[in-house]
């Protein structure tokens, strides 16, 4: 079993939200800290773990002041502490 499947099997989730977007170049999404979104998206949750999964093409993720991480088909990037980021 792969690592992600094992982690998801062992942790207990009490809610989940998924957004699907089909974007074409040039594009950029600026996401605020998860604390700013939690009331609207999942008010009963104490924490949101943000992630992006690239189905096809290329993308990037970058936390302000951090390195730009290039992503390609099949990559997943997680923002476990809900930091503001660009993708």
N, C-alpha and C. Protein backbone atom coordinates (compact mmCIF):
# COMPACT_ATOMS: atom_id res chain seq x y z
N UNK A 1 0.85 -1.18 0.00
CA UNK A 1 0.00 0.00 0.00
C UNK A 1 0.90 1.24 0.00
N UNK A 2 0.54 2.27 -0.77
CA UNK A 2 1.35 3.48 -0.81
C UNK A 2 1.17 4.29 0.47
N UNK A 3 2.08 5.22 0.73
CA UNK A 3 2.11 5.98 1.97
C UNK A 3 0.83 6.80 2.17
N UNK A 4 0.37 7.50 1.14
CA UNK A 4 -0.83 8.32 1.27
C UNK A 4 -2.04 7.46 1.63
N UNK A 5 -2.21 6.34 0.99
CA UNK A 5 -3.33 5.45 1.30
C UNK A 5 -3.26 4.97 2.75
N UNK A 6 -2.07 4.67 3.22
CA UNK A 6 -1.89 4.21 4.60
C UNK A 6 -2.25 5.33 5.59
N UNK A 7 -1.80 6.55 5.32
CA UNK A 7 -2.12 7.68 6.18
C UNK A 7 -3.62 7.91 6.22
N UNK A 8 -4.26 7.93 5.05
CA UNK A 8 -5.70 8.17 5.00
C UNK A 8 -6.49 7.04 5.66
N UNK A 9 -5.96 5.84 5.66
CA UNK A 9 -6.63 4.72 6.29
C UNK A 9 -6.57 4.82 7.81
N UNK A 10 -5.48 5.38 8.35
CA UNK A 10 -5.28 5.39 9.79
C UNK A 10 -5.79 6.65 10.49
N UNK A 11 -5.92 7.77 9.78
CA UNK A 11 -6.42 8.98 10.44
C UNK A 11 -7.95 9.01 10.41
N UNK A 12 -8.52 9.72 11.35
CA UNK A 12 -9.97 9.83 11.44
C UNK A 12 -10.39 11.21 10.92
N UNK A 13 -11.14 11.24 9.85
CA UNK A 13 -11.66 12.48 9.29
C UNK A 13 -13.13 12.60 9.65
N UNK A 14 -13.52 13.81 10.02
CA UNK A 14 -14.94 13.98 10.32
C UNK A 14 -15.66 14.81 9.28
N UNK A 15 -14.95 15.30 8.29
CA UNK A 15 -15.58 15.99 7.17
C UNK A 15 -14.58 16.09 6.03
N UNK A 16 -15.09 16.39 4.86
CA UNK A 16 -14.22 16.55 3.70
C UNK A 16 -14.89 17.47 2.69
N UNK A 17 -14.08 18.27 2.05
CA UNK A 17 -14.56 19.16 0.99
C UNK A 17 -13.63 19.01 -0.20
N UNK A 18 -14.20 18.99 -1.37
CA UNK A 18 -13.40 18.88 -2.58
C UNK A 18 -13.88 19.92 -3.59
N UNK A 19 -12.94 20.56 -4.22
CA UNK A 19 -13.26 21.50 -5.29
C UNK A 19 -12.52 21.04 -6.54
N UNK A 20 -13.19 21.07 -7.65
CA UNK A 20 -12.59 20.68 -8.91
C UNK A 20 -12.55 21.90 -9.82
N UNK A 21 -11.39 22.15 -10.40
CA UNK A 21 -11.27 23.30 -11.29
C UNK A 21 -10.52 22.87 -12.55
N UNK A 22 -10.97 23.38 -13.68
CA UNK A 22 -10.26 23.19 -14.93
C UNK A 22 -9.78 24.56 -15.37
N UNK A 23 -8.47 24.75 -15.33
CA UNK A 23 -7.88 26.05 -15.59
C UNK A 23 -6.93 25.95 -16.78
N UNK A 24 -6.81 27.05 -17.52
CA UNK A 24 -5.86 27.11 -18.63
C UNK A 24 -4.91 28.28 -18.41
N UNK A 25 -3.72 28.15 -18.91
CA UNK A 25 -2.69 29.18 -18.73
C UNK A 25 -3.10 30.48 -19.40
N UNK A 26 -2.75 31.60 -18.87
CA UNK A 26 -2.11 31.78 -17.57
C UNK A 26 -3.17 31.85 -16.46
N UNK A 27 -2.88 31.29 -15.32
CA UNK A 27 -3.80 31.35 -14.19
C UNK A 27 -3.01 31.32 -12.89
N UNK A 28 -3.64 31.79 -11.84
CA UNK A 28 -3.06 31.76 -10.50
C UNK A 28 -4.21 31.87 -9.50
N UNK A 29 -4.13 31.11 -8.44
CA UNK A 29 -5.11 31.17 -7.38
C UNK A 29 -4.36 31.58 -6.11
N UNK A 30 -4.82 32.65 -5.46
CA UNK A 30 -4.26 33.09 -4.18
C UNK A 30 -5.22 32.64 -3.09
N UNK A 31 -4.75 31.80 -2.20
CA UNK A 31 -5.61 31.27 -1.15
C UNK A 31 -5.21 31.84 0.20
N UNK A 32 -6.18 32.34 0.97
CA UNK A 32 -5.88 32.87 2.30
C UNK A 32 -5.60 31.73 3.28
N UNK A 33 -5.18 32.09 4.48
CA UNK A 33 -4.99 31.09 5.53
C UNK A 33 -6.30 30.34 5.75
N UNK A 34 -6.21 29.08 6.12
CA UNK A 34 -7.41 28.26 6.28
C UNK A 34 -8.33 28.81 7.37
N UNK A 35 -7.79 29.49 8.38
CA UNK A 35 -8.64 30.07 9.42
C UNK A 35 -9.65 31.06 8.84
N UNK A 36 -9.29 31.71 7.75
CA UNK A 36 -10.18 32.68 7.11
C UNK A 36 -11.28 31.99 6.31
N UNK A 37 -11.09 30.72 5.95
CA UNK A 37 -12.06 30.00 5.13
C UNK A 37 -12.90 29.00 5.92
N UNK A 38 -12.45 28.62 7.10
CA UNK A 38 -13.07 27.51 7.82
C UNK A 38 -14.53 27.78 8.19
N UNK A 39 -14.88 29.00 8.57
CA UNK A 39 -16.26 29.31 8.95
C UNK A 39 -17.23 29.09 7.79
N UNK A 40 -16.81 29.42 6.59
CA UNK A 40 -17.68 29.27 5.43
C UNK A 40 -17.67 27.84 4.87
N UNK A 41 -16.53 27.18 4.92
CA UNK A 41 -16.40 25.87 4.28
C UNK A 41 -16.74 24.70 5.19
N UNK A 42 -16.34 24.77 6.44
CA UNK A 42 -16.54 23.64 7.33
C UNK A 42 -16.56 24.12 8.78
N UNK A 43 -17.64 24.79 9.19
CA UNK A 43 -17.68 25.44 10.50
C UNK A 43 -17.51 24.51 11.69
N UNK A 44 -17.82 23.23 11.56
CA UNK A 44 -17.67 22.30 12.68
C UNK A 44 -16.25 21.77 12.81
N UNK A 45 -15.42 22.01 11.82
CA UNK A 45 -14.05 21.50 11.85
C UNK A 45 -13.16 22.44 12.63
N UNK A 46 -12.19 21.87 13.30
CA UNK A 46 -11.23 22.68 14.02
C UNK A 46 -10.01 23.03 13.17
N UNK A 47 -9.86 22.34 12.05
CA UNK A 47 -8.66 22.52 11.23
C UNK A 47 -8.94 22.07 9.80
N UNK A 48 -8.38 22.78 8.84
CA UNK A 48 -8.45 22.38 7.44
C UNK A 48 -7.05 22.07 6.94
N UNK A 49 -6.90 20.95 6.26
CA UNK A 49 -5.65 20.63 5.58
C UNK A 49 -5.90 20.86 4.10
N UNK A 50 -5.19 21.81 3.54
CA UNK A 50 -5.36 22.16 2.13
C UNK A 50 -4.41 21.35 1.27
N UNK A 51 -4.87 20.96 0.10
CA UNK A 51 -3.99 20.25 -0.82
C UNK A 51 -4.43 20.51 -2.25
N UNK A 52 -3.51 20.27 -3.16
CA UNK A 52 -3.78 20.40 -4.59
C UNK A 52 -3.25 19.14 -5.26
N UNK A 53 -4.03 18.58 -6.15
CA UNK A 53 -3.65 17.39 -6.91
C UNK A 53 -3.72 17.76 -8.39
N UNK A 54 -2.63 17.57 -9.10
CA UNK A 54 -2.56 17.94 -10.52
C UNK A 54 -2.93 16.72 -11.36
N UNK A 55 -4.06 16.82 -12.05
CA UNK A 55 -4.51 15.72 -12.90
C UNK A 55 -3.81 15.69 -14.24
N UNK A 56 -3.53 16.87 -14.78
CA UNK A 56 -2.80 16.95 -16.05
C UNK A 56 -2.18 18.33 -16.16
N UNK A 57 -1.19 18.44 -17.00
CA UNK A 57 -0.52 19.72 -17.20
C UNK A 57 0.48 20.03 -16.10
N UNK A 58 0.73 21.32 -15.89
CA UNK A 58 1.72 21.79 -14.92
C UNK A 58 1.10 22.85 -14.04
N UNK A 59 1.65 22.99 -12.85
CA UNK A 59 1.21 24.01 -11.90
C UNK A 59 2.38 24.30 -10.97
N UNK A 60 2.13 25.13 -9.98
CA UNK A 60 3.14 25.38 -8.95
C UNK A 60 2.42 25.71 -7.65
N UNK A 61 3.16 25.65 -6.56
CA UNK A 61 2.65 26.08 -5.26
C UNK A 61 3.75 26.89 -4.60
N UNK A 62 3.33 27.95 -3.88
CA UNK A 62 4.33 28.79 -3.22
C UNK A 62 3.70 29.48 -2.02
N UNK A 63 4.35 29.32 -0.87
CA UNK A 63 3.97 30.04 0.34
C UNK A 63 4.76 31.35 0.31
N UNK A 64 4.15 32.49 0.69
CA UNK A 64 4.88 33.76 0.65
C UNK A 64 6.24 33.65 1.35
N UNK A 65 7.28 34.07 0.65
CA UNK A 65 8.63 34.01 1.18
C UNK A 65 9.30 32.65 1.00
N UNK A 66 8.55 31.67 0.50
CA UNK A 66 9.09 30.32 0.31
C UNK A 66 9.46 30.06 -1.13
N UNK A 67 10.04 28.91 -1.35
CA UNK A 67 10.43 28.51 -2.69
C UNK A 67 9.21 28.13 -3.52
N UNK A 68 9.27 28.41 -4.80
CA UNK A 68 8.23 28.00 -5.73
C UNK A 68 8.43 26.53 -6.06
N UNK A 69 7.40 25.72 -5.85
CA UNK A 69 7.49 24.28 -6.09
C UNK A 69 6.74 23.96 -7.37
N UNK A 70 7.45 23.47 -8.36
CA UNK A 70 6.84 23.10 -9.63
C UNK A 70 6.14 21.75 -9.50
N UNK A 71 4.95 21.66 -10.07
CA UNK A 71 4.14 20.44 -10.00
C UNK A 71 3.79 19.99 -11.41
N UNK A 72 3.62 18.71 -11.58
CA UNK A 72 3.22 18.15 -12.87
C UNK A 72 2.21 17.04 -12.63
N UNK A 73 1.69 16.49 -13.69
CA UNK A 73 0.65 15.46 -13.63
C UNK A 73 0.98 14.40 -12.57
N UNK A 74 0.01 14.17 -11.67
CA UNK A 74 0.16 13.16 -10.63
C UNK A 74 0.72 13.68 -9.32
N UNK A 75 1.19 14.92 -9.29
CA UNK A 75 1.76 15.48 -8.05
C UNK A 75 0.66 15.94 -7.10
N UNK A 76 0.94 15.80 -5.83
CA UNK A 76 0.08 16.32 -4.77
C UNK A 76 0.95 17.21 -3.89
N UNK A 77 0.44 18.37 -3.55
CA UNK A 77 1.11 19.24 -2.58
C UNK A 77 0.11 19.51 -1.47
N UNK A 78 0.55 19.32 -0.22
CA UNK A 78 -0.31 19.55 0.94
C UNK A 78 0.17 20.78 1.69
N UNK A 79 -0.79 21.54 2.17
CA UNK A 79 -0.51 22.72 3.00
C UNK A 79 -1.10 22.39 4.38
N UNK A 80 -0.41 21.56 5.18
CA UNK A 80 -1.02 21.00 6.40
C UNK A 80 -1.36 22.02 7.47
N UNK A 81 -0.67 23.15 7.50
CA UNK A 81 -0.94 24.16 8.53
C UNK A 81 -1.82 25.29 8.03
N UNK A 82 -2.34 25.11 6.81
CA UNK A 82 -3.29 26.07 6.25
C UNK A 82 -2.71 27.42 5.91
N UNK A 83 -1.42 27.47 5.60
CA UNK A 83 -0.77 28.74 5.28
C UNK A 83 -1.34 29.35 4.00
N UNK A 84 -1.34 30.68 3.96
CA UNK A 84 -1.67 31.40 2.72
C UNK A 84 -0.71 30.93 1.64
N UNK A 85 -1.20 30.78 0.42
CA UNK A 85 -0.32 30.33 -0.64
C UNK A 85 -0.88 30.68 -2.01
N UNK A 86 -0.01 30.62 -2.99
CA UNK A 86 -0.39 30.82 -4.39
C UNK A 86 -0.20 29.49 -5.10
N UNK A 87 -1.08 29.23 -6.05
CA UNK A 87 -0.94 28.03 -6.86
C UNK A 87 -1.44 28.31 -8.25
